[in-house]
Amino acid sequence: MKGSLADLAARTAGELAAAVKSRLGRVQNRTRPIDGYFTGAGLSPPLPTRP
């Protein structure tokens, strides 16, 4: 996320907010990076929940 925003040339706070929202949407449903974060922190990844 941080790397994808590093080269962004947002001119306004609104443009920056839209870019962040877009990038968060891309990773929202990806479980592998989230599981990797928990594992790297020495924690067990959360169990999937049913809606």
N, C-alpha and C. Protein backbone atom coordinates (compact mmCIF):
# COMPACT_ATOMS: atom_id res chain seq x y z
N MET A 1 0.82 -1.17 0.00
CA MET A 1 0.00 0.00 0.00
C MET A 1 0.88 1.25 0.00
N LYS A 2 1.81 1.29 0.92
CA LYS A 2 2.66 2.47 1.02
C LYS A 2 3.49 2.66 -0.24
N GLY A 3 3.99 1.56 -0.78
CA GLY A 3 4.79 1.63 -2.00
C GLY A 3 4.00 2.11 -3.19
N SER A 4 2.73 1.72 -3.26
CA SER A 4 1.92 2.13 -4.41
C SER A 4 1.54 3.60 -4.33
N LEU A 5 1.59 4.18 -3.15
CA LEU A 5 1.26 5.60 -3.00
C LEU A 5 2.51 6.50 -3.06
N ALA A 6 3.69 5.90 -3.02
CA ALA A 6 4.92 6.68 -2.95
C ALA A 6 5.10 7.59 -4.16
N ASP A 7 4.76 7.13 -5.34
CA ASP A 7 4.96 7.92 -6.55
C ASP A 7 3.70 8.67 -6.99
N LEU A 8 2.68 8.66 -6.16
CA LEU A 8 1.43 9.33 -6.50
C LEU A 8 1.60 10.84 -6.39
N ALA A 9 1.11 11.55 -7.37
CA ALA A 9 1.19 13.01 -7.38
C ALA A 9 -0.20 13.60 -7.15
N ALA A 10 -0.75 13.34 -5.97
CA ALA A 10 -2.08 13.88 -5.64
C ALA A 10 -1.95 15.38 -5.40
N ARG A 11 -2.85 16.13 -5.97
CA ARG A 11 -2.82 17.58 -5.83
C ARG A 11 -3.70 18.07 -4.69
N THR A 12 -4.67 17.27 -4.31
CA THR A 12 -5.57 17.67 -3.24
C THR A 12 -5.75 16.52 -2.26
N ALA A 13 -6.28 16.85 -1.10
CA ALA A 13 -6.55 15.82 -0.11
C ALA A 13 -7.61 14.85 -0.64
N GLY A 14 -8.54 15.34 -1.43
CA GLY A 14 -9.56 14.49 -2.01
C GLY A 14 -8.99 13.46 -2.96
N GLU A 15 -8.03 13.87 -3.78
CA GLU A 15 -7.37 12.94 -4.70
C GLU A 15 -6.60 11.88 -3.92
N LEU A 16 -5.93 12.29 -2.86
CA LEU A 16 -5.19 11.34 -2.03
C LEU A 16 -6.15 10.36 -1.36
N ALA A 17 -7.25 10.86 -0.83
CA ALA A 17 -8.23 10.00 -0.18
C ALA A 17 -8.81 9.00 -1.17
N ALA A 18 -9.09 9.44 -2.39
CA ALA A 18 -9.64 8.54 -3.41
C ALA A 18 -8.63 7.45 -3.77
N ALA A 19 -7.35 7.81 -3.86
CA ALA A 19 -6.32 6.83 -4.19
C ALA A 19 -6.16 5.80 -3.07
N VAL A 20 -6.18 6.27 -1.84
CA VAL A 20 -6.06 5.35 -0.70
C VAL A 20 -7.26 4.42 -0.66
N LYS A 21 -8.46 4.96 -0.86
CA LYS A 21 -9.67 4.15 -0.84
C LYS A 21 -9.62 3.08 -1.94
N SER A 22 -9.15 3.47 -3.12
CA SER A 22 -9.04 2.54 -4.23
C SER A 22 -8.08 1.40 -3.91
N ARG A 23 -6.94 1.75 -3.36
CA ARG A 23 -5.94 0.72 -3.05
C ARG A 23 -6.39 -0.17 -1.90
N LEU A 24 -7.07 0.38 -0.92
CA LEU A 24 -7.60 -0.44 0.16
C LEU A 24 -8.64 -1.43 -0.36
N GLY A 25 -9.43 -0.99 -1.32
CA GLY A 25 -10.42 -1.88 -1.92
C GLY A 25 -9.79 -3.06 -2.62
N ARG A 26 -8.61 -2.84 -3.19
CA ARG A 26 -7.91 -3.92 -3.90
C ARG A 26 -7.44 -5.01 -2.94
N VAL A 27 -7.04 -4.65 -1.74
CA VAL A 27 -6.49 -5.63 -0.81
C VAL A 27 -7.50 -6.11 0.22
N GLN A 28 -8.67 -5.55 0.24
CA GLN A 28 -9.65 -5.86 1.27
C GLN A 28 -10.00 -7.34 1.34
N ASN A 29 -10.16 -8.00 0.23
CA ASN A 29 -10.59 -9.39 0.22
C ASN A 29 -9.45 -10.38 0.03
N ARG A 30 -8.24 -9.93 0.08
CA ARG A 30 -7.09 -10.83 -0.06
C ARG A 30 -6.66 -11.29 1.33
N THR A 31 -6.73 -12.58 1.56
CA THR A 31 -6.39 -13.08 2.89
C THR A 31 -4.91 -13.39 3.07
N ARG A 32 -4.20 -13.70 2.02
CA ARG A 32 -2.79 -14.08 2.18
C ARG A 32 -1.94 -12.97 2.78
N PRO A 33 -2.02 -11.71 2.32
CA PRO A 33 -1.21 -10.68 2.97
C PRO A 33 -1.58 -10.50 4.45
N ILE A 34 -2.87 -10.63 4.76
CA ILE A 34 -3.31 -10.48 6.14
C ILE A 34 -2.78 -11.63 6.99
N ASP A 35 -2.89 -12.85 6.47
CA ASP A 35 -2.36 -14.01 7.20
C ASP A 35 -0.85 -13.87 7.40
N GLY A 36 -0.14 -13.38 6.39
CA GLY A 36 1.29 -13.18 6.50
C GLY A 36 1.65 -12.16 7.56
N TYR A 37 0.84 -11.13 7.69
CA TYR A 37 1.07 -10.11 8.72
C TYR A 37 0.97 -10.75 10.11
N PHE A 38 -0.11 -11.51 10.32
CA PHE A 38 -0.28 -12.14 11.62
C PHE A 38 0.85 -13.12 11.91
N THR A 39 1.21 -13.93 10.94
CA THR A 39 2.28 -14.91 11.11
C THR A 39 3.60 -14.22 11.41
N GLY A 40 3.89 -13.14 10.69
CA GLY A 40 5.13 -12.39 10.91
C GLY A 40 5.18 -11.74 12.28
N ALA A 41 4.02 -11.45 12.84
CA ALA A 41 3.96 -10.85 14.16
C ALA A 41 3.94 -11.91 15.26
N GLY A 42 4.03 -13.20 14.87
CA GLY A 42 4.03 -14.28 15.84
C GLY A 42 2.65 -14.65 16.34
N LEU A 43 1.62 -14.29 15.60
CA LEU A 43 0.24 -14.58 15.97
C LEU A 43 -0.37 -15.59 15.02
N SER A 44 -1.43 -16.22 15.43
CA SER A 44 -2.17 -17.12 14.55
C SER A 44 -3.13 -16.31 13.71
N PRO A 45 -3.21 -16.60 12.41
CA PRO A 45 -4.18 -15.88 11.57
C PRO A 45 -5.59 -16.13 12.08
N PRO A 46 -6.49 -15.16 11.91
CA PRO A 46 -7.86 -15.35 12.37
C PRO A 46 -8.56 -16.44 11.55
N LEU A 47 -9.47 -17.13 12.18
CA LEU A 47 -10.25 -18.15 11.50
C LEU A 47 -11.31 -17.48 10.64
N PRO A 48 -11.59 -18.05 9.47
CA PRO A 48 -12.64 -17.46 8.61
C PRO A 48 -13.99 -17.50 9.33
N THR A 49 -14.78 -16.48 9.09
CA THR A 49 -16.12 -16.43 9.68
C THR A 49 -17.15 -16.49 8.57
N ARG A 50 -18.29 -17.00 8.91
CA ARG A 50 -19.40 -17.06 7.94
C ARG A 50 -20.29 -15.85 8.15
N PRO A 51 -20.75 -15.27 7.06
CA PRO A 51 -21.65 -14.11 7.21
C PRO A 51 -23.01 -14.48 7.76
